[in-house]
Amino acid sequence: MHKENPQRASVLQHVSQNVRRLRHAADLSQTALSEKSGVSRRMLVAIEAGEKNVSLSTLDRVAEALDVAFSDLIQAPDVRDHSRINELAWAGDIPGSKAILLAKATARREVELWEMRLESGDRYSPEPDPEGWNVQIFVFDGCLTLRLGDAKKYISAGEFFMFGSDQTHGYCNDGSVAVRFVRTVVI
């Protein structure tokens, strides 16, 4: 089963084990979970057997019905730390500038934790986020120039700044050494 993609097979196995474990912990039968989630009992049987490729929206409905986070269904059952993603998501024009999505946590809303590095002279200019989103910045090395509309804010190593990211904004390194900072996006 799933010989063409062993990673996909292990995710299906994790989903299978997690759905079964969480359903039992919630003291729900497959029929009760089916009714609560709107997912057919036949589909739940196949998911718990690890036999069915399942859509993300179906898993989201199952997670909601079980009152757990989506990540609780897809991660290895024995992993207790759900905060590790560590994937390169952006590379700058100048070699060495990068953004790595380190983690994502669910609180009342979703939160993304990014490790960023801008080499001297580089910049990262994202589109404004939807209304209500915020960004928290903590600079480890160098001095970050934060553009907020037409204004500039300088954030030095060891300093923190938070702002509503639904406005035009950008991150620049106007200095002579690399800037390393953590960017937390609260959605």
N, C-alpha and C. Protein backbone atom coordinates (compact mmCIF):
# COMPACT_ATOMS: atom_id res chain seq x y z
N MET A 1 0.84 -1.19 0.00
CA MET A 1 0.00 0.00 0.00
C MET A 1 0.88 1.25 0.00
N HIS A 2 0.63 2.18 -0.88
CA HIS A 2 1.32 3.46 -0.97
C HIS A 2 2.83 3.29 -1.14
N LYS A 3 3.26 2.30 -1.92
CA LYS A 3 4.69 2.07 -2.13
C LYS A 3 5.35 3.21 -2.86
N GLU A 4 4.57 3.95 -3.67
CA GLU A 4 5.14 5.05 -4.43
C GLU A 4 5.51 6.24 -3.54
N ASN A 5 4.93 6.35 -2.35
CA ASN A 5 5.20 7.47 -1.47
C ASN A 5 5.16 7.03 -0.01
N PRO A 6 6.31 6.59 0.52
CA PRO A 6 6.33 6.10 1.90
C PRO A 6 5.95 7.16 2.92
N GLN A 7 6.26 8.46 2.66
CA GLN A 7 5.86 9.50 3.60
C GLN A 7 4.35 9.59 3.70
N ARG A 8 3.67 9.49 2.56
CA ARG A 8 2.21 9.52 2.55
C ARG A 8 1.66 8.32 3.32
N ALA A 9 2.26 7.16 3.14
CA ALA A 9 1.80 5.97 3.85
C ALA A 9 1.94 6.14 5.35
N SER A 10 3.05 6.74 5.82
CA SER A 10 3.22 6.93 7.26
C SER A 10 2.23 7.95 7.80
N VAL A 11 1.90 9.00 7.02
CA VAL A 11 0.90 9.97 7.46
C VAL A 11 -0.46 9.28 7.59
N LEU A 12 -0.81 8.43 6.62
CA LEU A 12 -2.09 7.71 6.72
C LEU A 12 -2.11 6.80 7.94
N GLN A 13 -0.98 6.19 8.25
CA GLN A 13 -0.90 5.35 9.45
C GLN A 13 -1.08 6.20 10.71
N HIS A 14 -0.46 7.39 10.74
CA HIS A 14 -0.62 8.29 11.88
C HIS A 14 -2.08 8.69 12.03
N VAL A 15 -2.72 9.07 10.92
CA VAL A 15 -4.12 9.47 10.95
C VAL A 15 -4.97 8.31 11.47
N SER A 16 -4.72 7.12 10.97
CA SER A 16 -5.45 5.94 11.40
C SER A 16 -5.37 5.75 12.91
N GLN A 17 -4.17 5.75 13.44
CA GLN A 17 -3.95 5.54 14.87
C GLN A 17 -4.54 6.67 15.70
N ASN A 18 -4.35 7.90 15.24
CA ASN A 18 -4.83 9.06 16.00
C ASN A 18 -6.34 9.14 16.03
N VAL A 19 -7.00 8.92 14.90
CA VAL A 19 -8.46 8.98 14.87
C VAL A 19 -9.04 7.92 15.80
N ARG A 20 -8.53 6.71 15.70
CA ARG A 20 -9.02 5.63 16.57
C ARG A 20 -8.80 5.98 18.05
N ARG A 21 -7.58 6.41 18.39
CA ARG A 21 -7.24 6.73 19.79
C ARG A 21 -8.11 7.88 20.32
N LEU A 22 -8.23 8.95 19.52
CA LEU A 22 -8.99 10.12 19.95
C LEU A 22 -10.49 9.83 20.02
N ARG A 23 -10.98 9.00 19.11
CA ARG A 23 -12.40 8.62 19.14
C ARG A 23 -12.70 7.83 20.42
N HIS A 24 -11.81 6.89 20.76
CA HIS A 24 -12.00 6.12 22.00
C HIS A 24 -11.91 7.03 23.22
N ALA A 25 -10.95 7.98 23.21
CA ALA A 25 -10.80 8.91 24.34
C ALA A 25 -12.05 9.77 24.52
N ALA A 26 -12.72 10.09 23.42
CA ALA A 26 -13.95 10.88 23.48
C ALA A 26 -15.17 10.01 23.74
N ASP A 27 -14.96 8.70 23.86
CA ASP A 27 -16.02 7.73 24.11
C ASP A 27 -17.11 7.80 23.05
N LEU A 28 -16.63 7.83 21.78
CA LEU A 28 -17.55 7.89 20.63
C LEU A 28 -17.43 6.61 19.81
N SER A 29 -18.55 6.10 19.36
CA SER A 29 -18.54 5.00 18.40
C SER A 29 -18.25 5.60 17.02
N GLN A 30 -17.96 4.75 16.05
CA GLN A 30 -17.77 5.25 14.69
C GLN A 30 -19.05 5.89 14.18
N THR A 31 -20.19 5.33 14.53
CA THR A 31 -21.48 5.90 14.11
C THR A 31 -21.68 7.28 14.73
N ALA A 32 -21.37 7.42 16.01
CA ALA A 32 -21.53 8.72 16.67
C ALA A 32 -20.58 9.76 16.08
N LEU A 33 -19.32 9.36 15.80
CA LEU A 33 -18.38 10.28 15.19
C LEU A 33 -18.84 10.65 13.78
N SER A 34 -19.40 9.72 13.06
CA SER A 34 -19.92 9.97 11.72
C SER A 34 -21.02 11.03 11.78
N GLU A 35 -21.94 10.87 12.71
CA GLU A 35 -23.04 11.83 12.85
C GLU A 35 -22.52 13.21 13.27
N LYS A 36 -21.57 13.23 14.17
CA LYS A 36 -21.04 14.50 14.69
C LYS A 36 -20.20 15.24 13.65
N SER A 37 -19.48 14.51 12.81
CA SER A 37 -18.56 15.12 11.84
C SER A 37 -19.17 15.31 10.45
N GLY A 38 -20.22 14.56 10.14
CA GLY A 38 -20.77 14.60 8.79
C GLY A 38 -19.97 13.77 7.80
N VAL A 39 -19.05 12.95 8.30
CA VAL A 39 -18.24 12.05 7.48
C VAL A 39 -18.89 10.67 7.57
N SER A 40 -19.04 10.00 6.44
CA SER A 40 -19.73 8.71 6.44
C SER A 40 -19.00 7.69 7.32
N ARG A 41 -19.78 6.79 7.90
CA ARG A 41 -19.19 5.74 8.72
C ARG A 41 -18.24 4.89 7.89
N ARG A 42 -18.59 4.62 6.64
CA ARG A 42 -17.74 3.84 5.74
C ARG A 42 -16.37 4.51 5.58
N MET A 43 -16.37 5.84 5.42
CA MET A 43 -15.12 6.59 5.29
C MET A 43 -14.32 6.49 6.58
N LEU A 44 -14.97 6.62 7.74
CA LEU A 44 -14.27 6.53 9.03
C LEU A 44 -13.65 5.15 9.22
N VAL A 45 -14.37 4.10 8.83
CA VAL A 45 -13.83 2.73 8.93
C VAL A 45 -12.56 2.63 8.09
N ALA A 46 -12.60 3.16 6.86
CA ALA A 46 -11.44 3.11 5.97
C ALA A 46 -10.28 3.95 6.52
N ILE A 47 -10.58 5.11 7.09
CA ILE A 47 -9.54 5.96 7.67
C ILE A 47 -8.87 5.23 8.83
N GLU A 48 -9.66 4.67 9.72
CA GLU A 48 -9.10 3.98 10.88
C GLU A 48 -8.33 2.73 10.49
N ALA A 49 -8.63 2.17 9.34
CA ALA A 49 -7.89 1.00 8.85
C ALA A 49 -6.64 1.43 8.06
N GLY A 50 -6.48 2.72 7.83
CA GLY A 50 -5.33 3.22 7.07
C GLY A 50 -5.41 2.90 5.60
N GLU A 51 -6.61 2.67 5.11
CA GLU A 51 -6.80 2.24 3.73
C GLU A 51 -7.25 3.34 2.79
N LYS A 52 -7.50 4.52 3.30
CA LYS A 52 -8.17 5.54 2.49
C LYS A 52 -7.38 6.83 2.45
N ASN A 53 -7.08 7.32 1.24
CA ASN A 53 -6.59 8.68 1.09
C ASN A 53 -7.77 9.59 1.41
N VAL A 54 -7.55 10.53 2.26
CA VAL A 54 -8.66 11.36 2.74
C VAL A 54 -8.34 12.83 2.49
N SER A 55 -9.34 13.60 2.16
CA SER A 55 -9.12 15.03 1.88
C SER A 55 -8.83 15.79 3.17
N LEU A 56 -8.17 16.93 3.01
CA LEU A 56 -7.88 17.77 4.16
C LEU A 56 -9.16 18.29 4.79
N SER A 57 -10.16 18.60 3.98
CA SER A 57 -11.42 19.11 4.54
C SER A 57 -12.13 18.02 5.35
N THR A 58 -12.03 16.76 4.92
CA THR A 58 -12.62 15.66 5.70
C THR A 58 -11.90 15.52 7.03
N LEU A 59 -10.57 15.56 7.00
CA LEU A 59 -9.81 15.47 8.26
C LEU A 59 -10.12 16.65 9.17
N ASP A 60 -10.31 17.81 8.59
CA ASP A 60 -10.64 19.00 9.39
C ASP A 60 -11.99 18.80 10.09
N ARG A 61 -12.96 18.21 9.40
CA ARG A 61 -14.28 17.95 10.01
C ARG A 61 -14.15 16.92 11.13
N VAL A 62 -13.33 15.89 10.92
CA VAL A 62 -13.12 14.87 11.95
C VAL A 62 -12.44 15.50 13.17
N ALA A 63 -11.42 16.32 12.93
CA ALA A 63 -10.71 16.99 14.04
C ALA A 63 -11.67 17.87 14.83
N GLU A 64 -12.49 18.63 14.13
CA GLU A 64 -13.45 19.50 14.81
C GLU A 64 -14.43 18.68 15.65
N ALA A 65 -14.92 17.58 15.09
CA ALA A 65 -15.85 16.74 15.83
C ALA A 65 -15.21 16.11 17.07
N LEU A 66 -13.91 15.84 16.98
CA LEU A 66 -13.18 15.27 18.12
C LEU A 66 -12.66 16.35 19.06
N ASP A 67 -12.87 17.62 18.69
CA ASP A 67 -12.43 18.77 19.48
C ASP A 67 -10.92 18.78 19.70
N VAL A 68 -10.19 18.52 18.58
CA VAL A 68 -8.72 18.56 18.61
C VAL A 68 -8.24 19.40 17.43
N ALA A 69 -6.97 19.75 17.44
CA ALA A 69 -6.36 20.49 16.34
C ALA A 69 -6.11 19.54 15.17
N PHE A 70 -6.12 20.08 13.97
CA PHE A 70 -5.84 19.32 12.76
C PHE A 70 -4.50 18.59 12.89
N SER A 71 -3.48 19.29 13.43
CA SER A 71 -2.15 18.69 13.57
C SER A 71 -2.16 17.46 14.47
N ASP A 72 -3.12 17.38 15.40
CA ASP A 72 -3.23 16.21 16.28
C ASP A 72 -3.55 14.94 15.50
N LEU A 73 -4.14 15.09 14.31
CA LEU A 73 -4.48 13.92 13.50
C LEU A 73 -3.34 13.45 12.61
N ILE A 74 -2.47 14.37 12.18
CA ILE A 74 -1.48 13.99 11.17
C ILE A 74 -0.08 13.70 11.71
N GLN A 75 0.23 14.16 12.91
CA GLN A 75 1.56 13.91 13.44
C GLN A 75 1.65 12.52 14.05
N ALA A 76 2.90 12.04 14.13
CA ALA A 76 3.13 10.72 14.74
C ALA A 76 2.50 10.68 16.12
N PRO A 77 1.80 9.60 16.46
CA PRO A 77 1.09 9.53 17.74
C PRO A 77 1.98 9.70 18.96
N ASP A 78 3.25 9.29 18.87
CA ASP A 78 4.14 9.38 20.03
C ASP A 78 4.85 10.73 20.12
N VAL A 79 4.63 11.64 19.17
CA VAL A 79 5.25 12.97 19.20
C VAL A 79 4.36 13.89 20.02
N ARG A 80 4.93 14.47 21.05
CA ARG A 80 4.16 15.37 21.91
C ARG A 80 4.42 16.84 21.57
N ASP A 81 5.49 17.13 20.83
CA ASP A 81 5.82 18.50 20.47
C ASP A 81 5.28 18.78 19.07
N HIS A 82 4.21 19.55 19.00
CA HIS A 82 3.57 19.86 17.73
C HIS A 82 4.09 21.17 17.13
N SER A 83 5.22 21.63 17.62
CA SER A 83 5.67 22.97 17.26
C SER A 83 6.84 23.00 16.29
N ARG A 84 7.15 21.91 15.62
CA ARG A 84 8.34 21.86 14.78
C ARG A 84 7.98 21.66 13.31
N ILE A 85 8.19 22.69 12.46
CA ILE A 85 8.00 22.57 11.02
C ILE A 85 9.34 22.70 10.32
N ASN A 86 10.04 23.80 10.55
CA ASN A 86 11.42 24.02 10.10
C ASN A 86 11.60 23.81 8.59
N GLU A 87 10.81 24.52 7.78
CA GLU A 87 10.87 24.41 6.32
C GLU A 87 11.21 25.76 5.69
N LEU A 88 12.14 25.76 4.74
CA LEU A 88 12.49 26.97 3.99
C LEU A 88 11.28 27.39 3.17
N ALA A 89 10.86 28.65 3.34
CA ALA A 89 9.67 29.12 2.62
C ALA A 89 9.97 30.30 1.71
N TRP A 90 11.08 30.97 1.90
CA TRP A 90 11.43 32.13 1.08
C TRP A 90 12.94 32.28 1.04
N ALA A 91 13.48 32.63 -0.13
CA ALA A 91 14.91 32.94 -0.28
C ALA A 91 15.02 34.31 -0.93
N GLY A 92 15.89 35.15 -0.39
CA GLY A 92 16.05 36.51 -0.90
C GLY A 92 16.85 36.56 -2.18
N ASP A 93 16.97 37.77 -2.72
CA ASP A 93 17.75 37.98 -3.94
C ASP A 93 19.24 37.81 -3.68
N ILE A 94 19.66 38.08 -2.46
CA ILE A 94 21.07 37.97 -2.10
C ILE A 94 21.26 36.66 -1.33
N PRO A 95 22.19 35.79 -1.78
CA PRO A 95 22.38 34.50 -1.11
C PRO A 95 22.57 34.66 0.40
N GLY A 96 21.87 33.82 1.14
CA GLY A 96 21.93 33.84 2.60
C GLY A 96 20.68 34.43 3.23
N SER A 97 19.94 35.28 2.50
CA SER A 97 18.67 35.81 3.01
C SER A 97 17.61 34.73 2.86
N LYS A 98 16.85 34.48 3.94
CA LYS A 98 15.89 33.38 3.91
C LYS A 98 14.82 33.56 4.98
N ALA A 99 13.73 32.86 4.81
CA ALA A 99 12.67 32.77 5.82
C ALA A 99 12.34 31.29 5.99
N ILE A 100 12.39 30.84 7.22
CA ILE A 100 12.09 29.45 7.53
C ILE A 100 10.89 29.42 8.46
N LEU A 101 9.85 28.73 8.06
CA LEU A 101 8.70 28.56 8.94
C LEU A 101 9.12 27.53 9.99
N LEU A 102 9.31 27.99 11.21
CA LEU A 102 9.79 27.12 12.28
C LEU A 102 8.67 26.31 12.93
N ALA A 103 7.55 26.98 13.18
CA ALA A 103 6.52 26.32 13.96
C ALA A 103 5.17 26.95 13.71
N LYS A 104 4.14 26.21 14.06
CA LYS A 104 2.79 26.74 14.02
C LYS A 104 2.08 26.20 15.24
N ALA A 105 1.43 27.08 15.98
CA ALA A 105 0.72 26.66 17.18
C ALA A 105 -0.72 27.15 17.09
N THR A 106 -1.63 26.41 17.66
CA THR A 106 -3.01 26.81 17.70
C THR A 106 -3.35 27.26 19.10
N ALA A 107 -3.81 28.47 19.19
CA ALA A 107 -4.32 28.99 20.45
C ALA A 107 -5.78 29.33 20.17
N ARG A 108 -6.18 30.55 20.48
CA ARG A 108 -7.52 30.96 20.09
C ARG A 108 -7.59 31.11 18.59
N ARG A 109 -6.47 31.60 18.02
CA ARG A 109 -6.31 31.69 16.57
C ARG A 109 -4.99 31.03 16.24
N GLU A 110 -4.69 30.93 14.96
CA GLU A 110 -3.44 30.30 14.51
C GLU A 110 -2.28 31.28 14.69
N VAL A 111 -1.09 30.73 14.97
CA VAL A 111 0.13 31.52 15.12
C VAL A 111 1.24 30.86 14.32
N GLU A 112 1.99 31.64 13.54
CA GLU A 112 3.13 31.13 12.78
C GLU A 112 4.41 31.75 13.35
N LEU A 113 5.43 30.93 13.52
CA LEU A 113 6.72 31.39 14.01
C LEU A 113 7.75 31.23 12.90
N TRP A 114 8.38 32.34 12.50
CA TRP A 114 9.34 32.36 11.39
C TRP A 114 10.71 32.79 11.88
N GLU A 115 11.75 32.09 11.44
CA GLU A 115 13.13 32.54 11.62
C GLU A 115 13.53 33.22 10.32
N MET A 116 14.01 34.45 10.41
CA MET A 116 14.36 35.19 9.20
C MET A 116 15.78 35.72 9.29
N ARG A 117 16.40 35.84 8.12
CA ARG A 117 17.75 36.39 8.01
C ARG A 117 17.79 37.22 6.74
N LEU A 118 18.24 38.46 6.87
CA LEU A 118 18.42 39.34 5.72
C LEU A 118 19.89 39.74 5.66
N GLU A 119 20.50 39.46 4.55
CA GLU A 119 21.88 39.90 4.34
C GLU A 119 21.89 41.40 4.07
N SER A 120 23.04 42.03 4.22
CA SER A 120 23.19 43.46 4.01
C SER A 120 22.63 43.85 2.64
N GLY A 121 21.71 44.82 2.63
CA GLY A 121 21.13 45.31 1.39
C GLY A 121 19.89 44.58 0.93
N ASP A 122 19.50 43.47 1.58
CA ASP A 122 18.33 42.72 1.13
C ASP A 122 17.07 43.19 1.83
N ARG A 123 15.92 42.78 1.27
CA ARG A 123 14.62 43.16 1.84
C ARG A 123 13.61 42.06 1.59
N TYR A 124 12.58 42.03 2.42
CA TYR A 124 11.43 41.14 2.24
C TYR A 124 10.19 42.02 2.34
N SER A 125 9.38 42.02 1.27
CA SER A 125 8.21 42.90 1.20
C SER A 125 6.96 42.08 0.92
N PRO A 126 6.30 41.56 1.95
CA PRO A 126 5.08 40.78 1.74
C PRO A 126 3.88 41.69 1.44
N GLU A 127 2.82 41.08 0.96
CA GLU A 127 1.56 41.80 0.79
C GLU A 127 0.96 42.06 2.17
N PRO A 128 0.15 43.13 2.32
CA PRO A 128 -0.53 43.31 3.60
C PRO A 128 -1.39 42.09 3.92
N ASP A 129 -1.48 41.75 5.20
CA ASP A 129 -2.28 40.63 5.65
C ASP A 129 -3.74 41.06 5.81
N PRO A 130 -4.66 40.11 5.99
CA PRO A 130 -6.05 40.48 6.24
C PRO A 130 -6.20 41.27 7.54
N GLU A 131 -7.30 42.00 7.64
CA GLU A 131 -7.58 42.80 8.83
C GLU A 131 -7.58 41.93 10.08
N GLY A 132 -6.98 42.42 11.14
CA GLY A 132 -6.94 41.70 12.41
C GLY A 132 -5.68 40.88 12.63
N TRP A 133 -4.83 40.73 11.60
CA TRP A 133 -3.58 39.98 11.75
C TRP A 133 -2.54 40.90 12.39
N ASN A 134 -1.64 40.30 13.15
CA ASN A 134 -0.55 41.04 13.81
C ASN A 134 0.76 40.30 13.61
N VAL A 135 1.86 41.06 13.70
CA VAL A 135 3.20 40.47 13.62
C VAL A 135 3.99 40.93 14.84
N GLN A 136 4.73 40.00 15.42
CA GLN A 136 5.66 40.28 16.51
C GLN A 136 7.06 40.01 15.99
N ILE A 137 7.97 40.94 16.23
CA ILE A 137 9.36 40.82 15.77
C ILE A 137 10.28 40.82 16.98
N PHE A 138 11.26 39.92 16.97
CA PHE A 138 12.35 39.96 17.94
C PHE A 138 13.65 39.81 17.17
N VAL A 139 14.55 40.78 17.30
CA VAL A 139 15.81 40.79 16.55
C VAL A 139 16.92 40.18 17.41
N PHE A 140 17.64 39.20 16.84
CA PHE A 140 18.76 38.57 17.53
C PHE A 140 20.08 39.23 17.19
N ASP A 141 20.32 39.51 15.91
CA ASP A 141 21.58 40.08 15.45
C ASP A 141 21.30 41.20 14.46
N GLY A 142 22.13 42.25 14.51
CA GLY A 142 22.03 43.34 13.55
C GLY A 142 20.93 44.32 13.94
N CYS A 143 20.54 45.14 12.96
CA CYS A 143 19.48 46.12 13.16
C CYS A 143 18.51 46.02 11.98
N LEU A 144 17.26 45.72 12.28
CA LEU A 144 16.23 45.58 11.26
C LEU A 144 15.57 46.92 11.01
N THR A 145 15.41 47.29 9.74
CA THR A 145 14.62 48.45 9.37
C THR A 145 13.25 47.94 8.96
N LEU A 146 12.24 48.32 9.72
CA LEU A 146 10.87 47.91 9.45
C LEU A 146 10.14 49.08 8.79
N ARG A 147 9.63 48.86 7.60
CA ARG A 147 8.83 49.87 6.91
C ARG A 147 7.37 49.65 7.22
N LEU A 148 6.70 50.68 7.72
CA LEU A 148 5.25 50.65 7.98
C LEU A 148 4.65 51.81 7.21
N GLY A 149 4.10 51.53 6.04
CA GLY A 149 3.67 52.61 5.15
C GLY A 149 4.88 53.40 4.72
N ASP A 150 4.86 54.71 4.96
CA ASP A 150 6.00 55.57 4.62
C ASP A 150 6.98 55.74 5.78
N ALA A 151 6.63 55.24 6.95
CA ALA A 151 7.48 55.41 8.14
C ALA A 151 8.48 54.26 8.26
N LYS A 152 9.60 54.52 8.96
CA LYS A 152 10.60 53.50 9.25
C LYS A 152 10.77 53.36 10.74
N LYS A 153 10.92 52.12 11.18
CA LYS A 153 11.16 51.80 12.58
C LYS A 153 12.41 50.95 12.62
N TYR A 154 13.39 51.31 13.49
CA TYR A 154 14.65 50.57 13.60
C TYR A 154 14.57 49.69 14.84
N ILE A 155 14.80 48.40 14.65
CA ILE A 155 14.75 47.44 15.75
C ILE A 155 16.11 46.79 15.85
N SER A 156 16.81 47.06 16.94
CA SER A 156 18.17 46.54 17.15
C SER A 156 18.14 45.19 17.85
N ALA A 157 19.29 44.52 17.85
CA ALA A 157 19.43 43.22 18.52
C ALA A 157 18.93 43.31 19.95
N GLY A 158 18.12 42.35 20.34
CA GLY A 158 17.57 42.31 21.69
C GLY A 158 16.27 43.08 21.84
N GLU A 159 15.81 43.75 20.78
CA GLU A 159 14.58 44.54 20.87
C GLU A 159 13.40 43.80 20.24
N PHE A 160 12.19 44.20 20.65
CA PHE A 160 10.95 43.59 20.21
C PHE A 160 10.01 44.66 19.71
N PHE A 161 9.19 44.32 18.72
CA PHE A 161 8.19 45.24 18.21
C PHE A 161 7.00 44.45 17.69
N MET A 162 5.80 44.99 17.89
CA MET A 162 4.59 44.34 17.40
C MET A 162 3.77 45.37 16.62
N PHE A 163 3.12 44.92 15.52
CA PHE A 163 2.31 45.84 14.72
C PHE A 163 1.20 45.08 13.99
N GLY A 164 0.16 45.83 13.61
CA GLY A 164 -0.91 45.27 12.79
C GLY A 164 -0.38 45.11 11.37
N SER A 165 -0.40 43.88 10.85
CA SER A 165 0.22 43.62 9.54
C SER A 165 -0.76 43.73 8.38
N ASP A 166 -1.94 44.34 8.64
CA ASP A 166 -2.90 44.55 7.56
C ASP A 166 -2.61 45.85 6.81
N GLN A 167 -1.43 46.40 7.01
CA GLN A 167 -0.97 47.61 6.33
C GLN A 167 0.25 47.28 5.47
N THR A 168 0.61 48.17 4.57
CA THR A 168 1.81 47.98 3.78
C THR A 168 3.00 47.97 4.72
N HIS A 169 3.83 46.93 4.60
CA HIS A 169 5.01 46.82 5.47
C HIS A 169 6.10 46.03 4.76
N GLY A 170 7.32 46.19 5.26
CA GLY A 170 8.45 45.47 4.68
C GLY A 170 9.60 45.44 5.66
N TYR A 171 10.50 44.49 5.46
CA TYR A 171 11.65 44.27 6.32
C TYR A 171 12.90 44.52 5.49
N CYS A 172 13.81 45.37 5.99
CA CYS A 172 15.01 45.74 5.24
C CYS A 172 16.24 45.62 6.13
N ASN A 173 17.37 45.32 5.49
CA ASN A 173 18.65 45.38 6.18
C ASN A 173 19.46 46.50 5.54
N ASP A 174 19.47 47.65 6.19
CA ASP A 174 20.22 48.81 5.72
C ASP A 174 21.63 48.82 6.29
N GLY A 175 21.97 47.85 7.14
CA GLY A 175 23.28 47.82 7.79
C GLY A 175 24.30 47.03 7.00
N SER A 176 25.46 46.84 7.61
CA SER A 176 26.57 46.16 6.93
C SER A 176 26.73 44.70 7.35
N VAL A 177 25.95 44.25 8.35
CA VAL A 177 26.01 42.85 8.80
C VAL A 177 24.61 42.23 8.67
N ALA A 178 24.56 40.91 8.60
CA ALA A 178 23.28 40.21 8.48
C ALA A 178 22.38 40.50 9.68
N VAL A 179 21.08 40.58 9.42
CA VAL A 179 20.07 40.74 10.47
C VAL A 179 19.38 39.40 10.64
N ARG A 180 19.34 38.90 11.88
CA ARG A 180 18.60 37.67 12.20
C ARG A 180 17.49 38.03 13.16
N PHE A 181 16.27 37.58 12.82
CA PHE A 181 15.15 37.90 13.70
C PHE A 181 14.09 36.82 13.61
N VAL A 182 13.22 36.79 14.61
CA VAL A 182 12.07 35.90 14.63
C VAL A 182 10.85 36.77 14.37
N ARG A 183 10.00 36.27 13.49
CA ARG A 183 8.76 36.96 13.11
C ARG A 183 7.62 36.02 13.44
N THR A 184 6.75 36.44 14.35
CA THR A 184 5.58 35.65 14.72
C THR A 184 4.35 36.32 14.12
N VAL A 185 3.61 35.56 13.32
CA VAL A 185 2.39 36.07 12.68
C VAL A 185 1.21 35.49 13.43
N VAL A 186 0.38 36.37 13.99
CA VAL A 186 -0.81 35.95 14.73
C VAL A 186 -2.01 36.16 13.81
N ILE A 187 -2.64 35.07 13.48
CA ILE A 187 -3.73 35.09 12.51
C ILE A 187 -5.08 35.08 13.20
